[in-house]
Amino acid sequence: MRWRDAPGWPAACGLVAALVLAKPGLSWAQHGGHSPGAMRDTVTTPAREPAHGGHSAPASRSREAQRDTAGARHGEHLPAAAGGHRMMPAFYGRYAFTREASGTAWQAESSPHEGRHAMRADWSLMLHGFAFAIANRQGGPRGADDLYSTSMLMGMATRPMGPGRLGLRAMLSLDPLAVGKEGYPLLLQTGETADGRTELIDRQHPHDLVMELAASYALSDATRSLFLYAGLPGEPALGPPVFMHRYSGRAIPESPIGHHWLDSTHITYGVLTAGVVQDGWKVEASAFRGREPDQERYDIESPRLDSFSGRLSWNPAPSWALQVSAGRLSGPEQLEPEVDVDRTTFSAIRNWRRKGADVAALAAWGRNRDRPGNRLDVWLLEGTAEVADRRSVFLRAERAEKDELFPEDDPRADDVFIVGRIAAGYIEDLVRSESLKAGIGVTGSVALVPEDLKRVYGDTPLSGSLFVRVVLR
């Protein structure tokens, strides 16, 4: 289903309304924004809660002061834009909430984090999300044009419970309605299926309506914690934070073509994770369902713990986040259930603020070893800079080894091709309020293909998109 075929614009408007509205009486406050209205908010620093798991005393400090304090603990200075905000307690330990990203993954602790925060009794609540409306043109013989929308709305709640802390997370997307079963055009992208019979090629699959329903419980002292995480769906301890949650990638309106080498397990129907945190280190292990979501994007699939993974994370300073992870996925592809995949990933995230700009960069490598099958690698570099809290520029470059660029009945179906993609873009925020920001943007990209593929894709197919973005702040 596409915008031109279905009531997609009302769906997008519904999401925007959900982003703007907050339940009366919850005293919603800006979290991580820079508007003058944020000066009335305060920071609750979660890094040193009382031993019984209650809230620490709030301190009236700006976001700049909070980052400077975090940096001072690690011997560095991290200036930030002015504007106070209220901080949510972290789910998995006694550190700043901004360290946490998707699932149980970490990002750089100094990363900006936008959303709406509220306190009610012992509960700390947060809502954040975005919506893109996109006009996309993919060039070359395999390209296509489309109008669609991608979106995400996530709610989080946490409170002290007994000797520890309970956390609840729910994440939804209107992709099944506003993108459609066949996904959106994206040259060189592969993975999943639209109808249960044929693979998606040169298209990015839509995300499920329910992207996460998860609960966690953590026991913490000043420097250590032990936590459990369970999701249906959820995200296992495998790979970096998913692209829509990490600061380096959240402004980019399309998925990386290496998504299924790095962070595709962010929607997994059945996850159990146990982890230990010691200062800036985190060790965790997961049991989860290896099969990727099927073409039925509105349902909740049956959980199964047939796969496993482990991840080691290290944040040596507030501006850094590193992880290495590995896992065995049991039959992840619906159309090749007999093929298991050994996945290994490494990533490094760096965040810094220079001359009024928040800048984040990610370098990542992922390897899928099919059993039986090929060993395939992906390299990814991406970065985003938000300048003067109003303009964003981004860049993404990828190199991928792929053996899914032709349908099963083609003699080249299992051939491995080394391909690449370079994309860059710009966003200008035209509307900024205490609750949201909205702007327009443009992207341009080039697909890099070997000689063997130029007859199929063209020499250097160029693509681009125009879009509108709305973000809760």
Protein backbone atom coordinates (compact mmCIF):
# COMPACT_ATOMS: atom_id res chain seq x y z
CA MET A 1 0.00 0.00 0.00
CA ARG A 2 1.38 3.44 -1.00
CA TRP A 3 0.57 7.05 -0.21
CA ARG A 4 -1.02 7.46 -3.62
CA ASP A 5 -3.16 4.31 -3.13
CA ALA A 6 -4.21 4.61 0.50
CA PRO A 7 -5.00 7.13 3.26
CA GLY A 8 -1.34 7.50 4.19
CA TRP A 9 -1.41 11.22 4.89
CA PRO A 10 -4.10 10.83 7.58
CA ALA A 11 -1.94 8.10 9.13
CA ALA A 12 1.06 10.40 9.21
CA CYS A 13 -1.07 13.18 10.67
CA GLY A 14 -2.21 10.76 13.35
CA LEU A 15 1.38 10.01 14.27
CA VAL A 16 2.25 13.71 14.40
CA ALA A 17 -0.73 14.25 16.70
CA ALA A 18 0.53 11.46 18.94
CA LEU A 19 3.93 13.13 19.04
CA VAL A 20 2.43 16.46 20.08
CA LEU A 21 -0.20 15.39 22.58
CA ALA A 22 0.63 14.48 26.15
CA LYS A 23 -1.72 13.11 28.78
CA PRO A 24 -3.02 15.94 30.96
CA GLY A 25 -1.70 16.08 34.48
CA LEU A 26 1.63 14.41 33.76
CA SER A 27 3.60 17.68 33.64
CA TRP A 28 5.53 16.77 30.49
CA ALA A 29 8.86 18.52 30.18
CA GLN A 30 11.40 18.88 27.43
CA HIS A 31 14.25 16.38 27.50
CA GLY A 32 17.45 17.20 25.74
CA GLY A 33 16.24 20.14 23.64
CA HIS A 34 17.59 23.64 23.37
CA SER A 35 14.56 25.92 23.24
CA PRO A 36 14.34 28.84 25.70
CA GLY A 37 11.29 27.21 27.27
CA ALA A 38 13.51 24.42 28.49
CA MET A 39 15.14 26.73 31.03
CA ARG A 40 12.35 26.00 33.47
CA ASP A 41 13.23 22.29 33.53
CA THR A 42 15.76 20.67 35.83
CA VAL A 43 18.23 17.83 35.60
CA THR A 44 17.91 14.73 37.72
CA THR A 45 21.29 13.03 37.52
CA PRO A 46 20.80 9.25 37.69
CA ALA A 47 24.43 8.29 38.15
CA ARG A 48 24.26 8.29 41.95
CA GLU A 49 20.91 7.07 43.16
CA PRO A 50 20.40 5.98 46.75
CA ALA A 51 21.23 2.34 47.42
CA HIS A 52 17.56 1.44 47.85
CA GLY A 53 16.88 2.38 44.20
CA GLY A 54 14.97 5.61 44.81
CA HIS A 55 15.48 8.93 43.08
CA SER A 56 18.45 11.12 43.78
CA ALA A 57 17.78 14.68 44.81
CA PRO A 58 17.23 16.90 41.74
CA ALA A 59 19.84 19.52 41.04
CA SER A 60 19.01 22.60 38.98
CA ARG A 61 21.72 22.34 36.34
CA SER A 62 21.85 22.99 32.62
CA ARG A 63 22.59 20.39 29.99
CA GLU A 64 26.02 22.00 29.64
CA ALA A 65 26.72 21.53 33.34
CA GLN A 66 25.57 17.92 33.21
CA ARG A 67 27.90 17.12 30.31
CA ASP A 68 30.79 18.99 31.87
CA THR A 69 30.40 16.99 35.08
CA ALA A 70 30.29 13.73 33.12
CA GLY A 71 33.40 14.79 31.24
CA ALA A 72 35.22 15.82 34.39
CA ARG A 73 34.80 12.31 35.81
CA HIS A 74 36.78 11.06 32.82
CA GLY A 75 39.31 13.88 32.58
CA GLU A 76 37.80 15.68 29.60
CA HIS A 77 35.63 18.75 28.99
CA LEU A 78 32.44 18.33 26.98
CA PRO A 79 30.71 21.67 26.35
CA ALA A 80 27.08 21.60 25.24
CA ALA A 81 24.35 23.94 24.19
CA ALA A 82 22.56 25.89 26.86
CA GLY A 83 19.10 24.86 27.99
CA GLY A 84 18.06 22.89 31.04
CA HIS A 85 16.29 19.57 30.90
CA ARG A 86 15.00 16.80 33.08
CA MET A 87 16.88 13.52 32.98
CA MET A 88 15.31 10.07 33.15
CA PRO A 89 17.05 7.42 35.29
CA ALA A 90 18.93 4.81 33.26
CA PHE A 91 17.33 1.38 33.01
CA TYR A 92 20.39 -0.86 33.44
CA GLY A 93 22.75 0.93 35.85
CA ARG A 94 23.80 4.09 37.72
CA TYR A 95 24.96 6.23 34.80
CA ALA A 96 23.38 8.94 32.66
CA PHE A 97 20.29 7.82 30.75
CA THR A 98 21.76 9.29 27.54
CA ARG A 99 24.16 6.31 27.40
CA GLU A 100 21.29 3.96 26.59
CA ALA A 101 20.05 3.51 23.01
CA SER A 102 18.02 0.70 21.42
CA GLY A 103 17.44 -2.53 23.34
CA THR A 104 20.32 -2.81 25.81
CA ALA A 105 22.89 -1.23 23.45
CA TRP A 106 25.02 1.74 24.48
CA GLN A 107 25.87 4.92 22.63
CA ALA A 108 28.18 7.76 23.68
CA GLU A 109 26.91 9.19 26.97
CA SER A 110 27.31 12.78 25.72
CA SER A 111 24.89 12.17 22.82
CA PRO A 112 21.91 14.56 22.71
CA HIS A 113 18.58 12.88 23.35
CA GLU A 114 15.27 14.50 22.46
CA GLY A 115 11.92 13.57 23.90
CA ARG A 116 9.23 14.45 26.42
CA HIS A 117 9.73 13.47 30.04
CA ALA A 118 7.28 13.37 32.96
CA MET A 119 7.17 12.28 36.60
CA ARG A 120 4.12 10.71 38.24
CA ALA A 121 4.50 9.33 41.74
CA ASP A 122 7.44 6.90 41.55
CA TRP A 123 7.25 6.59 37.78
CA SER A 124 9.57 8.37 35.38
CA LEU A 125 8.02 8.46 31.90
CA MET A 126 9.37 9.41 28.48
CA LEU A 127 7.98 9.65 24.95
CA HIS A 128 10.03 10.23 21.83
CA GLY A 129 9.65 9.62 18.11
CA PHE A 130 9.76 10.91 14.57
CA ALA A 131 7.95 10.82 11.22
CA PHE A 132 9.36 11.27 7.69
CA ALA A 133 7.23 11.95 4.58
CA ILE A 134 9.49 11.14 1.63
CA ALA A 135 9.48 11.55 -2.16
CA ASN A 136 12.14 9.09 -3.32
CA ARG A 137 13.69 8.51 -6.75
CA GLN A 138 16.20 5.69 -7.20
CA GLY A 139 18.12 5.94 -10.48
CA GLY A 140 19.34 3.45 -13.06
CA PRO A 141 17.56 0.52 -14.74
CA ARG A 142 16.69 -1.02 -11.37
CA GLY A 143 15.55 2.22 -9.80
CA ALA A 144 11.99 3.24 -8.92
CA ASP A 145 10.03 6.26 -7.68
CA ASP A 146 7.83 6.26 -4.61
CA LEU A 147 6.02 8.42 -2.05
CA TYR A 148 5.82 6.99 1.48
CA SER A 149 6.37 7.68 5.16
CA THR A 150 8.55 6.07 7.82
CA SER A 151 7.94 6.60 11.52
CA MET A 152 8.62 5.52 15.08
CA LEU A 153 6.95 6.33 18.41
CA MET A 154 8.48 4.98 21.61
CA GLY A 155 7.30 5.18 25.20
CA MET A 156 9.41 4.28 28.24
CA ALA A 157 8.60 4.03 31.93
CA THR A 158 10.76 3.20 34.94
CA ARG A 159 10.42 3.16 38.70
CA PRO A 160 12.17 1.75 41.77
CA MET A 161 10.79 -1.67 42.71
CA GLY A 162 12.05 -3.60 45.70
CA PRO A 163 15.86 -3.50 45.80
CA GLY A 164 16.16 -2.61 42.08
CA ARG A 165 14.64 -0.75 39.15
CA LEU A 166 11.86 -1.85 36.79
CA GLY A 167 11.88 -0.63 33.19
CA LEU A 168 9.17 -0.88 30.51
CA ARG A 169 9.53 -0.04 26.81
CA ALA A 170 7.06 0.00 23.89
CA MET A 171 7.85 1.07 20.33
CA LEU A 172 5.43 1.34 17.40
CA SER A 173 5.68 2.24 13.70
CA LEU A 174 3.17 3.09 10.96
CA ASP A 175 5.47 1.58 8.31
CA PRO A 176 3.09 -1.30 7.47
CA LEU A 177 0.46 1.23 6.39
CA ALA A 178 2.54 4.13 5.07
CA VAL A 179 5.36 2.15 3.41
CA GLY A 180 3.55 -1.02 2.40
CA LYS A 181 4.48 -4.70 2.15
CA GLU A 182 7.00 -4.23 -0.65
CA GLY A 183 8.98 -1.62 1.27
CA TYR A 184 10.55 1.44 -0.29
CA PRO A 185 13.06 1.60 -3.19
CA LEU A 186 16.72 1.47 -2.09
CA LEU A 187 19.34 0.33 -4.58
CA LEU A 188 21.53 -2.58 -3.42
CA GLN A 189 19.38 -3.31 -0.36
CA THR A 190 18.44 -6.94 0.35
CA GLY A 191 16.70 -8.91 3.07
CA GLU A 192 13.30 -10.32 4.08
CA THR A 193 10.26 -10.84 1.85
CA ALA A 194 7.07 -9.04 0.86
CA ASP A 195 4.88 -12.05 0.14
CA GLY A 196 6.56 -15.10 1.73
CA ARG A 197 7.67 -16.36 -1.70
CA THR A 198 10.17 -13.90 -3.22
CA GLU A 199 13.07 -11.97 -1.75
CA LEU A 200 13.08 -8.19 -1.54
CA ILE A 201 15.87 -6.87 -3.77
CA ASP A 202 16.69 -3.16 -4.18
CA ARG A 203 14.01 -2.39 -1.61
CA GLN A 204 14.04 -1.82 2.15
CA HIS A 205 11.39 -3.84 4.00
CA PRO A 206 8.92 -2.01 6.26
CA HIS A 207 9.26 -2.40 10.00
CA ASP A 208 6.54 -4.14 11.99
CA LEU A 209 3.74 -2.20 13.65
CA VAL A 210 5.03 -3.37 17.05
CA MET A 211 8.80 -2.93 17.10
CA GLU A 212 9.41 -3.49 20.82
CA LEU A 213 7.47 -4.62 23.90
CA ALA A 214 10.06 -5.19 26.61
CA ALA A 215 10.63 -5.17 30.35
CA SER A 216 13.83 -5.03 32.37
CA TYR A 217 14.94 -5.24 35.99
CA ALA A 218 18.27 -4.05 37.34
CA LEU A 219 20.04 -4.32 40.72
CA SER A 220 22.63 -1.57 41.11
CA ASP A 221 25.09 0.04 43.46
CA ALA A 222 27.33 3.05 42.80
CA THR A 223 29.48 1.42 40.10
CA ARG A 224 28.02 -2.02 39.35
CA SER A 225 24.73 -3.47 38.20
CA LEU A 226 23.13 -6.75 37.18
CA PHE A 227 20.17 -6.64 34.81
CA LEU A 228 17.66 -8.82 32.98
CA TYR A 229 15.83 -7.80 29.81
CA ALA A 230 12.96 -9.62 28.07
CA GLY A 231 11.16 -8.62 24.89
CA LEU A 232 8.34 -9.79 22.62
CA PRO A 233 9.52 -8.30 20.37
CA GLY A 234 12.85 -7.02 21.63
CA GLU A 235 16.50 -6.59 20.67
CA PRO A 236 19.25 -9.08 21.63
CA ALA A 237 22.82 -8.19 22.53
CA LEU A 238 24.14 -8.18 18.97
CA GLY A 239 25.51 -5.25 17.00
CA PRO A 240 25.55 -1.48 17.52
CA PRO A 241 22.41 0.56 18.33
CA VAL A 242 19.96 0.34 15.44
CA PHE A 243 20.31 3.14 12.87
CA MET A 244 17.09 4.95 13.82
CA HIS A 245 18.21 5.28 17.48
CA ARG A 246 21.89 6.18 17.20
CA TYR A 247 22.61 9.90 16.91
CA SER A 248 24.90 9.45 13.90
CA GLY A 249 22.09 7.89 11.84
CA ARG A 250 18.73 9.09 13.10
CA ALA A 251 18.57 12.09 10.71
CA ILE A 252 19.14 9.88 7.65
CA PRO A 253 15.78 8.91 6.11
CA GLU A 254 16.90 5.54 4.70
CA SER A 255 18.35 2.32 6.06
CA PRO A 256 21.99 1.31 5.55
CA ILE A 257 22.42 -1.40 2.91
CA GLY A 258 24.40 -3.26 5.60
CA HIS A 259 21.39 -3.36 7.93
CA HIS A 260 21.21 -7.17 7.82
CA TRP A 261 24.88 -7.48 8.76
CA LEU A 262 24.84 -5.10 11.74
CA ASP A 263 21.54 -4.23 13.45
CA SER A 264 18.67 -6.14 11.80
CA THR A 265 17.90 -8.08 15.01
CA HIS A 266 16.35 -4.98 16.61
CA ILE A 267 12.92 -6.56 16.00
CA THR A 268 13.15 -10.10 17.36
CA TYR A 269 10.16 -12.12 18.54
CA GLY A 270 11.51 -13.57 21.74
CA VAL A 271 14.55 -12.18 23.59
CA LEU A 272 16.08 -12.86 27.00
CA THR A 273 19.24 -10.94 27.92
CA ALA A 274 21.31 -10.95 31.11
CA GLY A 275 24.08 -8.44 31.67
CA VAL A 276 26.61 -7.09 34.12
CA VAL A 277 27.82 -3.48 34.23
CA GLN A 278 31.03 -2.32 35.94
CA ASP A 279 31.68 1.41 35.49
CA GLY A 280 32.18 1.85 31.73
CA TRP A 281 32.12 -1.88 30.90
CA LYS A 282 29.14 -4.06 30.08
CA VAL A 283 29.07 -7.81 29.38
CA GLU A 284 25.79 -9.40 28.27
CA ALA A 285 24.44 -12.56 26.68
CA SER A 286 21.14 -13.24 24.91
CA ALA A 287 18.96 -16.15 23.89
CA PHE A 288 16.52 -15.21 21.15
CA ARG A 289 14.55 -16.24 18.08
CA GLY A 290 16.80 -16.18 15.01
CA ARG A 291 14.08 -15.93 12.35
CA GLU A 292 13.54 -12.40 11.07
CA PRO A 293 9.99 -10.99 11.04
CA ASP A 294 7.77 -12.35 8.27
CA GLN A 295 5.65 -10.41 5.78
CA GLU A 296 2.72 -10.10 8.22
CA ARG A 297 3.69 -6.77 9.75
CA TYR A 298 0.71 -6.27 12.08
CA ASP A 299 0.90 -9.44 14.20
CA ILE A 300 2.94 -10.65 17.17
CA GLU A 301 4.86 -13.78 16.15
CA SER A 302 5.48 -16.78 18.38
CA PRO A 303 8.61 -16.54 20.56
CA ARG A 304 11.35 -19.13 20.31
CA LEU A 305 14.80 -19.18 21.94
CA ASP A 306 16.82 -21.01 19.29
CA SER A 307 19.72 -18.57 18.83
CA PHE A 308 22.29 -16.91 21.06
CA SER A 309 24.68 -13.96 21.15
CA GLY A 310 27.11 -12.12 23.40
CA ARG A 311 28.34 -8.53 23.47
CA LEU A 312 31.14 -6.65 25.21
CA SER A 313 30.65 -2.87 25.42
CA TRP A 314 33.10 -0.26 26.67
CA ASN A 315 32.50 3.46 27.12
CA PRO A 316 35.97 4.74 28.10
CA ALA A 317 34.71 8.35 28.22
CA PRO A 318 31.38 10.15 27.82
CA SER A 319 32.16 10.84 24.17
CA TRP A 320 32.98 7.23 23.19
CA ALA A 321 31.09 3.94 22.85
CA LEU A 322 32.70 0.74 21.58
CA GLN A 323 31.26 -2.76 21.22
CA VAL A 324 32.16 -6.15 19.84
CA SER A 325 29.54 -8.87 19.53
CA ALA A 326 28.93 -12.26 17.99
CA GLY A 327 26.00 -14.63 17.64
CA ARG A 328 24.55 -17.69 15.93
CA LEU A 329 21.21 -17.03 14.21
CA SER A 330 19.09 -20.08 13.49
CA GLY A 331 17.53 -19.86 10.02
CA PRO A 332 17.10 -16.05 9.96
CA GLU A 333 15.79 -15.91 6.38
CA GLN A 334 12.22 -17.16 5.96
CA LEU A 335 12.97 -18.36 2.40
CA GLU A 336 16.15 -20.22 3.44
CA PRO A 337 15.26 -21.77 6.81
CA GLU A 338 18.00 -24.39 6.50
CA VAL A 339 20.78 -21.75 6.44
CA ASP A 340 22.11 -20.58 9.82
CA VAL A 341 24.21 -17.44 10.13
CA ASP A 342 27.20 -16.68 12.34
CA ARG A 343 27.25 -12.89 12.78
CA THR A 344 30.17 -10.87 14.14
CA THR A 345 30.17 -7.08 14.55
CA PHE A 346 32.43 -4.32 15.80
CA SER A 347 31.57 -0.63 16.11
CA ALA A 348 32.98 2.59 17.50
CA ILE A 349 30.87 5.69 18.18
CA ARG A 350 32.38 9.12 18.80
CA ASN A 351 30.38 12.18 19.81
CA TRP A 352 31.64 15.70 20.34
CA ARG A 353 30.53 19.32 20.33
CA ARG A 354 32.52 21.87 18.36
CA LYS A 355 31.71 25.51 17.57
CA GLY A 356 28.00 25.21 18.26
CA ALA A 357 27.55 21.86 16.50
CA ASP A 358 26.72 18.44 17.94
CA VAL A 359 28.65 15.90 15.88
CA ALA A 360 28.46 12.10 16.01
CA ALA A 361 30.26 9.50 13.93
CA LEU A 362 30.06 5.71 13.68
CA ALA A 363 32.51 3.23 12.18
CA ALA A 364 31.23 -0.35 12.00
CA TRP A 365 32.12 -3.71 10.53
CA GLY A 366 29.88 -6.73 10.27
CA ARG A 367 30.34 -10.27 8.98
CA ASN A 368 27.68 -12.86 8.13
CA ARG A 369 28.98 -16.38 7.66
CA ASP A 370 26.24 -18.52 6.16
CA ARG A 371 26.22 -22.18 7.17
CA PRO A 372 26.24 -23.49 4.50
CA GLY A 373 27.18 -20.62 2.20
CA ASN A 374 29.39 -17.60 1.80
CA ARG A 375 31.28 -15.38 4.20
CA LEU A 376 30.22 -11.78 3.58
CA ASP A 377 31.53 -8.53 5.11
CA VAL A 378 30.11 -5.01 5.41
CA TRP A 379 31.88 -1.77 6.32
CA LEU A 380 29.95 1.33 7.35
CA LEU A 381 30.94 4.92 8.07
CA GLU A 382 28.30 7.51 8.95
CA GLY A 383 28.18 10.88 10.61
CA THR A 384 25.72 13.64 11.47
CA ALA A 385 26.32 17.23 12.55
CA GLU A 386 23.54 19.40 13.96
CA VAL A 387 24.57 23.05 13.64
CA ALA A 388 23.07 25.84 15.75
CA ASP A 389 20.33 23.44 16.84
CA ARG A 390 18.57 24.06 13.53
CA ARG A 391 20.53 22.63 10.58
CA SER A 392 21.70 19.04 10.14
CA VAL A 393 24.12 17.60 7.62
CA PHE A 394 24.82 13.89 7.29
CA LEU A 395 26.98 11.46 5.36
CA ARG A 396 26.97 7.67 5.02
CA ALA A 397 29.42 5.48 3.09
CA GLU A 398 29.21 1.68 2.81
CA ARG A 399 31.05 -1.23 1.22
CA ALA A 400 29.22 -4.56 1.17
CA GLU A 401 29.70 -8.08 -0.13
CA LYS A 402 26.31 -9.35 -1.28
CA ASP A 403 25.03 -12.62 -2.78
CA GLU A 404 21.28 -11.77 -2.87
CA LEU A 405 21.14 -9.26 -5.74
CA PHE A 406 19.36 -11.67 -8.12
CA PRO A 407 16.25 -13.82 -7.64
CA GLU A 408 16.56 -17.51 -6.88
CA ASP A 409 15.88 -18.62 -10.47
CA ASP A 410 18.72 -16.48 -11.87
CA PRO A 411 22.09 -18.25 -12.45
CA ARG A 412 23.80 -15.35 -10.65
CA ALA A 413 21.67 -15.76 -7.52
CA ASP A 414 24.54 -17.02 -5.32
CA ASP A 415 27.34 -14.95 -6.88
CA VAL A 416 29.12 -12.56 -4.53
CA PHE A 417 29.44 -8.94 -5.66
CA ILE A 418 31.30 -6.12 -3.91
CA VAL A 419 29.08 -3.04 -4.00
CA GLY A 420 29.01 0.33 -2.30
CA ARG A 421 26.79 3.30 -1.62
CA ILE A 422 27.57 6.89 -0.64
CA ALA A 423 24.77 9.18 0.57
CA ALA A 424 24.75 12.73 1.87
CA GLY A 425 22.01 15.12 2.90
CA TYR A 426 20.83 18.27 4.64
CA ILE A 427 17.89 19.19 6.89
CA GLU A 428 16.68 22.69 7.73
CA ASP A 429 14.32 22.87 10.71
CA LEU A 430 11.70 25.52 9.96
CA VAL A 431 9.46 25.03 13.00
CA ARG A 432 10.70 24.61 16.54
CA SER A 433 8.42 24.59 19.54
CA GLU A 434 8.74 23.26 23.05
CA SER A 435 7.14 19.99 21.91
CA LEU A 436 8.49 19.30 18.44
CA LYS A 437 10.59 20.42 15.52
CA ALA A 438 9.73 20.14 11.83
CA GLY A 439 11.87 20.71 8.79
CA ILE A 440 12.56 19.87 5.17
CA GLY A 441 15.48 17.92 3.84
CA VAL A 442 17.19 16.52 0.78
CA THR A 443 19.43 13.51 0.17
CA GLY A 444 21.59 12.47 -2.74
CA SER A 445 23.35 9.14 -3.23
CA VAL A 446 25.41 7.16 -5.68
CA ALA A 447 25.50 3.36 -5.98
CA LEU A 448 28.91 1.85 -6.72
CA VAL A 449 28.83 -1.44 -8.64
CA PRO A 450 31.46 -3.63 -10.30
CA GLU A 451 31.72 -4.08 -14.07
CA ASP A 452 29.67 -7.29 -13.89
CA LEU A 453 26.68 -5.33 -12.57
CA LYS A 454 26.83 -2.17 -14.69
CA ARG A 455 24.65 -3.72 -17.38
CA VAL A 456 22.01 -4.30 -14.68
CA TYR A 457 22.34 -1.15 -12.55
CA GLY A 458 24.01 1.32 -14.88
CA ASP A 459 27.49 2.79 -14.53
CA THR A 460 26.97 4.94 -11.41
CA PRO A 461 23.23 5.21 -10.73
CA LEU A 462 22.32 8.41 -8.91
CA SER A 463 19.38 8.64 -6.50
CA GLY A 464 17.79 11.32 -4.37
CA SER A 465 14.88 12.24 -2.16
CA LEU A 466 13.02 15.23 -0.78
CA PHE A 467 11.37 14.86 2.61
CA VAL A 468 9.66 16.47 5.55
CA ARG A 469 10.71 15.43 9.06
CA VAL A 470 8.86 15.91 12.36
CA VAL A 471 10.62 15.04 15.65
CA LEU A 472 9.29 15.05 19.19
CA ARG A 473 11.56 17.06 21.50
